[in-house]
Amino acid sequence: MVSRFVFAMFLSVLAASISQVLLKKSALKTYHTVVKEYLNLYVISGYGLLFISMLLTVYAYSGMDYKNGPIIESMGNVIILILGYVFFGERISIRKMAGIVCIIAGIIVFYF
């Protein structure tokens, strides 16, 4: 059974990944003023999710082994790859897939 601390770490990684998508969506737009460039819904939501992610990470580390944190956080790279493909139509190259395979292989080797 997955502990609530491990679940909080997964939520933290997911929130951080979604925040990166929001910030990239904002960066791809052009704004008429500097204020609108930094104070828009995408930027505020993105940084808000990063703050929530930080709080979840602190909570997760308070009750789980420290060795598991980086392993769970490395899954953020996989999530970002998938979100980039879904929301931005980014190409998944052989090089990116090789990186993801290395990450997943590292996780498997670590746990077994």
N, C-alpha and C. Protein backbone atom coordinates (compact mmCIF):
# COMPACT_ATOMS: atom_id res chain seq x y z
N MET A 1 0.84 -1.18 0.00
CA MET A 1 0.00 0.00 0.00
C MET A 1 0.89 1.25 0.00
N VAL A 2 0.52 2.22 -0.79
CA VAL A 2 1.29 3.46 -0.91
C VAL A 2 0.95 4.37 0.26
N SER A 3 1.98 4.89 0.92
CA SER A 3 1.73 5.78 2.05
C SER A 3 1.27 7.15 1.56
N ARG A 4 0.67 7.89 2.45
CA ARG A 4 0.19 9.23 2.07
C ARG A 4 1.35 10.17 1.73
N PHE A 5 2.53 9.89 2.27
CA PHE A 5 3.69 10.73 1.98
C PHE A 5 4.21 10.49 0.56
N VAL A 6 4.22 9.24 0.14
CA VAL A 6 4.62 8.93 -1.23
C VAL A 6 3.60 9.51 -2.21
N PHE A 7 2.32 9.40 -1.87
CA PHE A 7 1.27 9.97 -2.71
C PHE A 7 1.43 11.49 -2.81
N ALA A 8 1.77 12.13 -1.69
CA ALA A 8 1.99 13.58 -1.70
C ALA A 8 3.17 13.94 -2.59
N MET A 9 4.21 13.11 -2.62
CA MET A 9 5.36 13.37 -3.48
C MET A 9 4.96 13.25 -4.95
N PHE A 10 4.15 12.24 -5.28
CA PHE A 10 3.67 12.11 -6.66
C PHE A 10 2.82 13.32 -7.06
N LEU A 11 1.96 13.78 -6.15
CA LEU A 11 1.16 14.97 -6.43
C LEU A 11 2.05 16.20 -6.63
N SER A 12 3.10 16.27 -5.85
CA SER A 12 4.05 17.37 -5.97
C SER A 12 4.70 17.40 -7.34
N VAL A 13 5.13 16.23 -7.80
CA VAL A 13 5.77 16.13 -9.12
C VAL A 13 4.77 16.48 -10.22
N LEU A 14 3.55 16.01 -10.09
CA LEU A 14 2.52 16.32 -11.08
C LEU A 14 2.21 17.81 -11.11
N ALA A 15 2.10 18.43 -9.93
CA ALA A 15 1.84 19.88 -9.86
C ALA A 15 2.98 20.67 -10.49
N ALA A 16 4.21 20.28 -10.22
CA ALA A 16 5.36 20.98 -10.80
C ALA A 16 5.39 20.81 -12.32
N SER A 17 5.02 19.64 -12.81
CA SER A 17 5.00 19.41 -14.25
C SER A 17 3.93 20.25 -14.93
N ILE A 18 2.76 20.30 -14.35
CA ILE A 18 1.68 21.11 -14.91
C ILE A 18 2.05 22.59 -14.87
N SER A 19 2.72 23.02 -13.81
CA SER A 19 3.12 24.42 -13.72
C SER A 19 4.10 24.78 -14.83
N GLN A 20 4.97 23.85 -15.20
CA GLN A 20 5.91 24.11 -16.29
C GLN A 20 5.17 24.28 -17.62
N VAL A 21 4.12 23.51 -17.81
CA VAL A 21 3.31 23.65 -19.03
C VAL A 21 2.64 25.02 -19.05
N LEU A 22 2.09 25.44 -17.93
CA LEU A 22 1.44 26.75 -17.86
C LEU A 22 2.42 27.88 -18.14
N LEU A 23 3.61 27.79 -17.56
CA LEU A 23 4.60 28.83 -17.78
C LEU A 23 5.09 28.85 -19.23
N LYS A 24 5.18 27.70 -19.85
CA LYS A 24 5.59 27.67 -21.25
C LYS A 24 4.49 28.24 -22.14
N LYS A 25 3.22 27.95 -21.82
CA LYS A 25 2.11 28.53 -22.58
C LYS A 25 2.17 30.05 -22.51
N SER A 26 2.49 30.58 -21.35
CA SER A 26 2.60 32.03 -21.19
C SER A 26 3.77 32.58 -21.99
N ALA A 27 4.89 31.86 -21.99
CA ALA A 27 6.08 32.33 -22.69
C ALA A 27 5.89 32.34 -24.20
N LEU A 28 4.99 31.51 -24.71
CA LEU A 28 4.76 31.45 -26.15
C LEU A 28 3.85 32.56 -26.67
N LYS A 29 3.21 33.29 -25.75
CA LYS A 29 2.32 34.38 -26.15
C LYS A 29 3.09 35.70 -26.18
N THR A 30 2.58 36.64 -26.93
CA THR A 30 3.15 37.99 -26.92
C THR A 30 2.18 38.91 -26.16
N TYR A 31 2.75 39.79 -25.38
CA TYR A 31 1.96 40.70 -24.56
C TYR A 31 2.32 42.13 -24.90
N HIS A 32 1.36 43.02 -24.71
CA HIS A 32 1.57 44.42 -25.06
C HIS A 32 2.35 45.19 -24.00
N THR A 33 2.28 44.74 -22.76
CA THR A 33 3.01 45.41 -21.69
C THR A 33 3.77 44.38 -20.86
N VAL A 34 4.77 44.86 -20.17
CA VAL A 34 5.56 43.99 -19.29
C VAL A 34 4.70 43.48 -18.14
N VAL A 35 3.80 44.33 -17.66
CA VAL A 35 2.94 43.92 -16.54
C VAL A 35 2.07 42.74 -16.95
N LYS A 36 1.47 42.81 -18.14
CA LYS A 36 0.63 41.70 -18.61
C LYS A 36 1.46 40.45 -18.88
N GLU A 37 2.72 40.64 -19.22
CA GLU A 37 3.59 39.50 -19.48
C GLU A 37 3.84 38.69 -18.21
N TYR A 38 3.93 39.37 -17.09
CA TYR A 38 4.23 38.68 -15.83
C TYR A 38 3.04 38.51 -14.91
N LEU A 39 1.97 39.24 -15.16
CA LEU A 39 0.78 39.12 -14.33
C LEU A 39 -0.40 38.69 -15.20
N ASN A 40 -0.37 37.44 -15.61
CA ASN A 40 -1.49 36.87 -16.34
C ASN A 40 -1.84 35.54 -15.69
N LEU A 41 -2.95 34.98 -16.12
CA LEU A 41 -3.46 33.77 -15.47
C LEU A 41 -2.48 32.60 -15.55
N TYR A 42 -1.80 32.44 -16.69
CA TYR A 42 -0.85 31.32 -16.82
C TYR A 42 0.31 31.45 -15.84
N VAL A 43 0.88 32.64 -15.75
CA VAL A 43 2.04 32.84 -14.88
C VAL A 43 1.64 32.72 -13.41
N ILE A 44 0.56 33.35 -13.03
CA ILE A 44 0.12 33.30 -11.63
C ILE A 44 -0.23 31.86 -11.25
N SER A 45 -0.94 31.15 -12.13
CA SER A 45 -1.30 29.75 -11.85
C SER A 45 -0.06 28.87 -11.81
N GLY A 46 0.88 29.10 -12.74
CA GLY A 46 2.10 28.31 -12.77
C GLY A 46 2.92 28.45 -11.50
N TYR A 47 3.12 29.68 -11.07
CA TYR A 47 3.89 29.88 -9.84
C TYR A 47 3.11 29.44 -8.61
N GLY A 48 1.80 29.55 -8.66
CA GLY A 48 0.97 29.04 -7.56
C GLY A 48 1.12 27.54 -7.42
N LEU A 49 1.11 26.83 -8.56
CA LEU A 49 1.31 25.38 -8.52
C LEU A 49 2.72 25.01 -8.05
N LEU A 50 3.71 25.81 -8.43
CA LEU A 50 5.07 25.54 -7.94
C LEU A 50 5.14 25.69 -6.42
N PHE A 51 4.43 26.68 -5.89
CA PHE A 51 4.40 26.87 -4.44
C PHE A 51 3.71 25.69 -3.76
N ILE A 52 2.60 25.24 -4.33
CA ILE A 52 1.90 24.08 -3.78
C ILE A 52 2.79 22.84 -3.87
N SER A 53 3.50 22.71 -4.96
CA SER A 53 4.43 21.60 -5.13
C SER A 53 5.50 21.60 -4.04
N MET A 54 6.01 22.79 -3.74
CA MET A 54 7.03 22.89 -2.70
C MET A 54 6.46 22.45 -1.34
N LEU A 55 5.25 22.89 -1.03
CA LEU A 55 4.64 22.51 0.24
C LEU A 55 4.41 21.00 0.31
N LEU A 56 3.94 20.42 -0.80
CA LEU A 56 3.73 18.97 -0.83
C LEU A 56 5.04 18.21 -0.68
N THR A 57 6.10 18.72 -1.28
CA THR A 57 7.42 18.06 -1.16
C THR A 57 7.91 18.09 0.28
N VAL A 58 7.77 19.22 0.93
CA VAL A 58 8.18 19.33 2.33
C VAL A 58 7.37 18.36 3.19
N TYR A 59 6.07 18.31 2.95
CA TYR A 59 5.22 17.38 3.69
C TYR A 59 5.63 15.94 3.42
N ALA A 60 5.87 15.61 2.15
CA ALA A 60 6.23 14.23 1.80
C ALA A 60 7.53 13.80 2.46
N TYR A 61 8.52 14.69 2.44
CA TYR A 61 9.81 14.33 3.05
C TYR A 61 9.71 14.20 4.57
N SER A 62 8.67 14.76 5.17
CA SER A 62 8.54 14.66 6.63
C SER A 62 8.17 13.24 7.07
N GLY A 63 7.68 12.41 6.14
CA GLY A 63 7.25 11.09 6.56
C GLY A 63 7.73 9.94 5.71
N MET A 64 8.62 10.20 4.75
CA MET A 64 9.10 9.10 3.92
C MET A 64 10.62 9.07 3.92
N ASP A 65 11.17 7.97 3.47
CA ASP A 65 12.63 7.85 3.38
C ASP A 65 13.17 8.84 2.36
N TYR A 66 14.26 9.48 2.69
CA TYR A 66 14.85 10.47 1.80
C TYR A 66 15.33 9.85 0.48
N LYS A 67 15.68 8.58 0.51
CA LYS A 67 16.18 7.93 -0.70
C LYS A 67 15.10 7.80 -1.77
N ASN A 68 13.84 7.80 -1.40
CA ASN A 68 12.76 7.64 -2.37
C ASN A 68 12.37 8.94 -3.07
N GLY A 69 12.67 10.06 -2.49
CA GLY A 69 12.28 11.35 -3.06
C GLY A 69 12.83 11.61 -4.45
N PRO A 70 14.14 11.53 -4.63
CA PRO A 70 14.69 11.78 -5.98
C PRO A 70 14.20 10.78 -7.02
N ILE A 71 13.91 9.57 -6.61
CA ILE A 71 13.40 8.58 -7.55
C ILE A 71 12.02 9.00 -8.05
N ILE A 72 11.18 9.42 -7.15
CA ILE A 72 9.83 9.86 -7.54
C ILE A 72 9.92 11.15 -8.35
N GLU A 73 10.80 12.05 -7.95
CA GLU A 73 10.94 13.32 -8.67
C GLU A 73 11.46 13.12 -10.10
N SER A 74 12.23 12.08 -10.32
CA SER A 74 12.74 11.84 -11.67
C SER A 74 11.61 11.48 -12.63
N MET A 75 10.49 11.04 -12.11
CA MET A 75 9.33 10.75 -12.96
C MET A 75 8.76 12.03 -13.57
N GLY A 76 9.13 13.17 -13.01
CA GLY A 76 8.69 14.45 -13.58
C GLY A 76 9.16 14.63 -15.01
N ASN A 77 10.34 14.11 -15.32
CA ASN A 77 10.85 14.19 -16.70
C ASN A 77 9.97 13.42 -17.67
N VAL A 78 9.47 12.29 -17.23
CA VAL A 78 8.57 11.48 -18.06
C VAL A 78 7.25 12.22 -18.26
N ILE A 79 6.73 12.79 -17.18
CA ILE A 79 5.46 13.52 -17.25
C ILE A 79 5.59 14.73 -18.17
N ILE A 80 6.69 15.46 -18.06
CA ILE A 80 6.91 16.63 -18.91
C ILE A 80 6.97 16.24 -20.38
N LEU A 81 7.62 15.14 -20.68
CA LEU A 81 7.69 14.66 -22.07
C LEU A 81 6.29 14.40 -22.61
N ILE A 82 5.46 13.74 -21.83
CA ILE A 82 4.10 13.42 -22.25
C ILE A 82 3.26 14.69 -22.38
N LEU A 83 3.36 15.59 -21.41
CA LEU A 83 2.59 16.84 -21.47
C LEU A 83 3.03 17.71 -22.64
N GLY A 84 4.32 17.74 -22.92
CA GLY A 84 4.82 18.50 -24.07
C GLY A 84 4.27 17.97 -25.38
N TYR A 85 4.17 16.66 -25.47
CA TYR A 85 3.61 16.03 -26.67
C TYR A 85 2.12 16.36 -26.80
N VAL A 86 1.39 16.25 -25.70
CA VAL A 86 -0.06 16.45 -25.72
C VAL A 86 -0.43 17.91 -25.97
N PHE A 87 0.19 18.84 -25.24
CA PHE A 87 -0.24 20.24 -25.30
C PHE A 87 0.48 21.08 -26.36
N PHE A 88 1.69 20.70 -26.71
CA PHE A 88 2.46 21.52 -27.65
C PHE A 88 2.81 20.80 -28.94
N GLY A 89 2.45 19.53 -29.02
CA GLY A 89 2.77 18.76 -30.20
C GLY A 89 4.27 18.56 -30.39
N GLU A 90 5.02 18.60 -29.30
CA GLU A 90 6.47 18.42 -29.39
C GLU A 90 6.79 17.01 -29.84
N ARG A 91 7.78 16.93 -30.68
CA ARG A 91 8.22 15.65 -31.22
C ARG A 91 8.97 14.86 -30.15
N ILE A 92 8.67 13.57 -30.07
CA ILE A 92 9.39 12.70 -29.16
C ILE A 92 10.48 12.00 -29.98
N SER A 93 11.69 12.48 -29.81
CA SER A 93 12.81 11.96 -30.61
C SER A 93 13.38 10.68 -29.99
N ILE A 94 14.22 10.04 -30.75
CA ILE A 94 14.91 8.83 -30.28
C ILE A 94 15.75 9.18 -29.05
N ARG A 95 16.37 10.35 -29.09
CA ARG A 95 17.22 10.78 -27.98
C ARG A 95 16.40 10.97 -26.69
N LYS A 96 15.22 11.58 -26.83
CA LYS A 96 14.35 11.77 -25.66
C LYS A 96 13.87 10.42 -25.12
N MET A 97 13.50 9.52 -26.03
CA MET A 97 13.05 8.20 -25.61
C MET A 97 14.18 7.44 -24.91
N ALA A 98 15.40 7.58 -25.41
CA ALA A 98 16.55 6.93 -24.77
C ALA A 98 16.74 7.47 -23.35
N GLY A 99 16.56 8.77 -23.19
CA GLY A 99 16.65 9.36 -21.86
C GLY A 99 15.60 8.84 -20.91
N ILE A 100 14.37 8.72 -21.40
CA ILE A 100 13.29 8.20 -20.57
C ILE A 100 13.54 6.74 -20.21
N VAL A 101 14.03 5.95 -21.16
CA VAL A 101 14.35 4.55 -20.89
C VAL A 101 15.44 4.46 -19.81
N CYS A 102 16.42 5.34 -19.88
CA CYS A 102 17.48 5.36 -18.86
C CYS A 102 16.92 5.71 -17.49
N ILE A 103 16.00 6.65 -17.44
CA ILE A 103 15.38 7.03 -16.16
C ILE A 103 14.61 5.86 -15.59
N ILE A 104 13.78 5.24 -16.40
CA ILE A 104 12.97 4.12 -15.92
C ILE A 104 13.86 2.94 -15.54
N ALA A 105 14.91 2.67 -16.32
CA ALA A 105 15.84 1.59 -15.98
C ALA A 105 16.54 1.88 -14.65
N GLY A 106 16.91 3.13 -14.44
CA GLY A 106 17.53 3.51 -13.17
C GLY A 106 16.60 3.29 -11.99
N ILE A 107 15.33 3.60 -12.18
CA ILE A 107 14.35 3.39 -11.11
C ILE A 107 14.21 1.89 -10.82
N ILE A 108 14.13 1.08 -11.87
CA ILE A 108 14.00 -0.37 -11.69
C ILE A 108 15.22 -0.93 -10.99
N VAL A 109 16.42 -0.53 -11.42
CA VAL A 109 17.65 -1.02 -10.79
C VAL A 109 17.71 -0.60 -9.32
N PHE A 110 17.28 0.62 -9.03
CA PHE A 110 17.31 1.11 -7.66
C PHE A 110 16.42 0.29 -6.74
N TYR A 111 15.24 -0.06 -7.23
CA TYR A 111 14.28 -0.76 -6.38
C TYR A 111 14.48 -2.27 -6.35
N PHE A 112 15.18 -2.85 -7.31
CA PHE A 112 15.34 -4.31 -7.32
C PHE A 112 16.78 -4.63 -7.30
